[in-house]
């Protein structure tokens, strides 16, 4: 698996292109000086830095402020390595191909360059994206290393139209993570709406669409949960949802919605599924119905920035969304011999063995 490490900072800071509403570019030396003063966030377009004063603090602000496209967010370790980078590139490649199938004009120039049988297109596209991402990610890792940030995240957006020969830009947003909350802190979630129209693709349009659903959040809500029209729990706004339930035979099982149910095939979701197989934990890929909540023992969320974050309370305050009346399910935490903790330990062990960092932190994007 490719792992990008920072090179000499002086080789990566050159004059950048203008970045939409985020203002003009700046010269490399000026950018470097500004970044060392203000650290992060930072934005790079096709490897070129954007003026630090114009960088939005959160990736959500960046995604809302420029052309829409597929994106992915990855954690960065204390030694400036990107966790599960190969999986993230694969996600982007699959998204590009899916968007092009739905609309041949989408990424037309890029997809037209893919030669050979169609079944080889994802592998070819993966190589192209890996090469294009190298410059932006390497530059971002240099800034992260220079800022001595122990907790950081990268968000990579593919946007078009572009003057680039391949017809798209690679936009990389780097941010330092706050040292306060961790993914082991339990969270309260709220069921607030139905699933996304394009769940298989992580697309920046969803960042705008979910703003309307946030009006149903309570002050204590840490994540929104989506359901289908029949009251089945699907996924979170930026997470996958897993529920530990009674298996009916005196044991426990892990239940999560299948991709065909309408959820994003998340990077950490795949790692959790592998962990269940390794530990011999029964996994059921089927969306849990809200009415089965009496059998729920534990629940947790997963994403690249929230590896197995326990859920302490599930609230549905929207009448008619899942049942006629609002309801609350409280899941006591911490629990002795928690399956959530066992799976978290196995996931971190597995990623460590794979040469990936295990320090992953929370963020909202």
Foldseek 3Di string as FASTA:
>chain_A
DDKAAADPLVVQEAWACADAPLDHTDGRVVQVVVCLVVQDKWKHKLSYTGRRVSADQDVLVVLVRDAKFFKAKFKAALRGITFPVLVRLLQRLVQQVVVCVVPVVRLVLQQVPQDDDPVCRSVVSSVVVVVSVNSNSNNLSVSCVSNSARIKMKMWGWHDQDPDNSRTMIMIIMHGDDPPDFLQAAAEEEAFEAADPQAQTRMSVLSVVCVVSCVPDDPRHDWYWHHHQAQFTAQTSAWFKWFWFDPVPRDIAIEGADVVVRHYPAPLVVLLVVLCVVVVGHYHHHTHHPVRLVGTAWMFIDHNQNRTRTYQKYWYCDAPRRHRHIDMRGHDPDDPPDPSVSSLVSSLVVSVVVVGHNDHHDDDD
